[in-house]
């Protein structure tokens, strides 16, 4: 996955999850490594994702920092992208 590859370059991350909350909003859940500065980790992640979105002409997408950590699915795995559910 392209986003996973990009975020693997961002320092200080043990895990992440990206949720689409509106058609143009992505909410990023982060699990910083022990001892990592959470604000610096967020800044690096935001910069990497913003750059990726701009490369794909999707720089109109808004990124939000989630307070909650990544969550496991009912099967016990972490999902990297959870698509927006259609009502």
C-alpha atoms as a PDB file:
ATOM      1  CA  UNK A   1       0.000   0.000   0.000  1.00  0.00           C
ATOM      2  CA  UNK A   2       1.372   3.375  -1.006  1.00  0.00           C
ATOM      3  CA  UNK A   3       0.401   5.213   2.183  1.00  0.00           C
ATOM      4  CA  UNK A   4       2.005   2.480   4.285  1.00  0.00           C
ATOM      5  CA  UNK A   5       5.231   2.792   2.318  1.00  0.00           C
ATOM      6  CA  UNK A   6       5.240   6.562   2.750  1.00  0.00           C
ATOM      7  CA  UNK A   7       4.558   6.366   6.485  1.00  0.00           C
ATOM      8  CA  UNK A   8       7.222   3.728   7.011  1.00  0.00           C
ATOM      9  CA  UNK A   9       9.663   6.581   6.283  1.00  0.00           C
ATOM     10  CA  UNK A  10       8.203   8.773   9.028  1.00  0.00           C
ATOM     11  CA  UNK A  11      10.217   8.350  12.245  1.00  0.00           C
ATOM     12  CA  UNK A  12       8.756   7.345  15.576  1.00  0.00           C
ATOM     13  CA  UNK A  13       5.695   5.331  14.492  1.00  0.00           C
ATOM     14  CA  UNK A  14       4.765   1.911  15.863  1.00  0.00           C
ATOM     15  CA  UNK A  15       1.408   1.898  14.095  1.00  0.00           C
ATOM     16  CA  UNK A  16      -1.146   4.028  12.303  1.00  0.00           C
ATOM     17  CA  UNK A  17      -4.638   3.880  10.891  1.00  0.00           C
ATOM     18  CA  UNK A  18      -6.360   6.165   8.417  1.00  0.00           C
ATOM     19  CA  UNK A  19     -10.126   6.557   8.419  1.00  0.00           C
ATOM     20  CA  UNK A  20     -12.153   8.369   5.805  1.00  0.00           C
ATOM     21  CA  UNK A  21     -14.732  10.340   7.803  1.00  0.00           C
ATOM     22  CA  UNK A  22     -16.176  12.446   4.966  1.00  0.00           C
ATOM     23  CA  UNK A  23     -15.575  12.376   1.206  1.00  0.00           C
ATOM     24  CA  UNK A  24     -12.733  14.884   1.682  1.00  0.00           C
ATOM     25  CA  UNK A  25     -11.524  14.209   5.233  1.00  0.00           C
ATOM     26  CA  UNK A  26      -9.048  11.624   6.492  1.00  0.00           C
ATOM     27  CA  UNK A  27      -8.610  11.033  10.223  1.00  0.00           C
ATOM     28  CA  UNK A  28      -5.198   9.665  11.201  1.00  0.00           C
ATOM     29  CA  UNK A  29      -4.795   7.490  14.298  1.00  0.00           C
ATOM     30  CA  UNK A  30      -1.178   7.199  15.431  1.00  0.00           C
ATOM     31  CA  UNK A  31       0.702   4.997  17.844  1.00  0.00           C
ATOM     32  CA  UNK A  32       4.029   6.748  18.443  1.00  0.00           C
ATOM     33  CA  UNK A  33       6.972   4.670  19.644  1.00  0.00           C
ATOM     34  CA  UNK A  34       7.817   4.838  23.332  1.00  0.00           C
ATOM     35  CA  UNK A  35       9.772   8.006  23.977  1.00  0.00           C
ATOM     36  CA  UNK A  36       8.836   9.627  20.647  1.00  0.00           C
ATOM     37  CA  UNK A  37       7.499  13.188  20.665  1.00  0.00           C
ATOM     38  CA  UNK A  38       3.862  12.749  19.560  1.00  0.00           C
ATOM     39  CA  UNK A  39       3.678  16.269  18.090  1.00  0.00           C
ATOM     40  CA  UNK A  40       6.781  15.727  15.951  1.00  0.00           C
ATOM     41  CA  UNK A  41       5.492  12.337  14.825  1.00  0.00           C
ATOM     42  CA  UNK A  42       2.183  13.933  13.791  1.00  0.00           C
ATOM     43  CA  UNK A  43       3.982  16.707  11.920  1.00  0.00           C
ATOM     44  CA  UNK A  44       6.113  14.187   9.979  1.00  0.00           C
ATOM     45  CA  UNK A  45       3.074  12.016   9.176  1.00  0.00           C
ATOM     46  CA  UNK A  46       0.976  15.015   8.127  1.00  0.00           C
ATOM     47  CA  UNK A  47       3.773  16.264   5.870  1.00  0.00           C
ATOM     48  CA  UNK A  48       4.258  12.856   4.229  1.00  0.00           C
ATOM     49  CA  UNK A  49       0.540  12.274   3.614  1.00  0.00           C
ATOM     50  CA  UNK A  50       0.004  15.850   2.388  1.00  0.00           C
ATOM     51  CA  UNK A  51       2.869  15.432  -0.081  1.00  0.00           C
ATOM     52  CA  UNK A  52       1.407  12.147  -1.323  1.00  0.00           C
ATOM     53  CA  UNK A  53      -2.046  13.695  -1.735  1.00  0.00           C
ATOM     54  CA  UNK A  54      -0.607  16.645  -3.652  1.00  0.00           C
ATOM     55  CA  UNK A  55       1.276  14.296  -5.994  1.00  0.00           C
ATOM     56  CA  UNK A  56      -2.057  12.633  -6.817  1.00  0.00           C
ATOM     57  CA  UNK A  57      -3.905  15.954  -7.203  1.00  0.00           C
ATOM     58  CA  UNK A  58      -5.925  15.318  -4.049  1.00  0.00           C
ATOM     59  CA  UNK A  59      -4.550  18.178  -1.986  1.00  0.00           C
ATOM     60  CA  UNK A  60      -8.129  19.319  -1.277  1.00  0.00           C
ATOM     61  CA  UNK A  61      -8.387  16.455   1.236  1.00  0.00           C
ATOM     62  CA  UNK A  62      -8.244  17.537   4.886  1.00  0.00           C
ATOM     63  CA  UNK A  63      -6.177  15.591   7.426  1.00  0.00           C
ATOM     64  CA  UNK A  64      -7.263  15.364  11.058  1.00  0.00           C
ATOM     65  CA  UNK A  65      -5.201  14.098  13.968  1.00  0.00           C
ATOM     66  CA  UNK A  66      -7.139  11.574  16.038  1.00  0.00           C
ATOM     67  CA  UNK A  67      -6.736  11.436  19.788  1.00  0.00           C
ATOM     68  CA  UNK A  68      -7.499   7.708  19.899  1.00  0.00           C
ATOM     69  CA  UNK A  69      -4.847   5.105  18.969  1.00  0.00           C
ATOM     70  CA  UNK A  70      -5.250   2.645  16.071  1.00  0.00           C
ATOM     71  CA  UNK A  71      -7.970   0.063  16.726  1.00  0.00           C
ATOM     72  CA  UNK A  72      -8.130  -3.595  15.795  1.00  0.00           C
ATOM     73  CA  UNK A  73     -10.917  -4.986  13.624  1.00  0.00           C
ATOM     74  CA  UNK A  74     -13.207  -7.698  15.013  1.00  0.00           C
ATOM     75  CA  UNK A  75     -10.765 -10.233  13.520  1.00  0.00           C
ATOM     76  CA  UNK A  76      -7.930  -8.820  15.639  1.00  0.00           C
ATOM     77  CA  UNK A  77      -6.001  -7.157  12.815  1.00  0.00           C
ATOM     78  CA  UNK A  78      -5.183  -3.517  12.290  1.00  0.00           C
ATOM     79  CA  UNK A  79      -6.714  -1.988   9.185  1.00  0.00           C
ATOM     80  CA  UNK A  80      -4.692   0.768   7.575  1.00  0.00           C
ATOM     81  CA  UNK A  81      -7.584   2.329   5.669  1.00  0.00           C
ATOM     82  CA  UNK A  82     -11.249   2.117   6.607  1.00  0.00           C
ATOM     83  CA  UNK A  83     -13.440   3.458   3.773  1.00  0.00           C
ATOM     84  CA  UNK A  84     -16.313   5.822   4.459  1.00  0.00           C
ATOM     85  CA  UNK A  85     -19.494   3.789   4.849  1.00  0.00           C
ATOM     86  CA  UNK A  86     -22.400   4.714   2.626  1.00  0.00           C
ATOM     87  CA  UNK A  87     -25.590   5.383   4.659  1.00  0.00           C
END
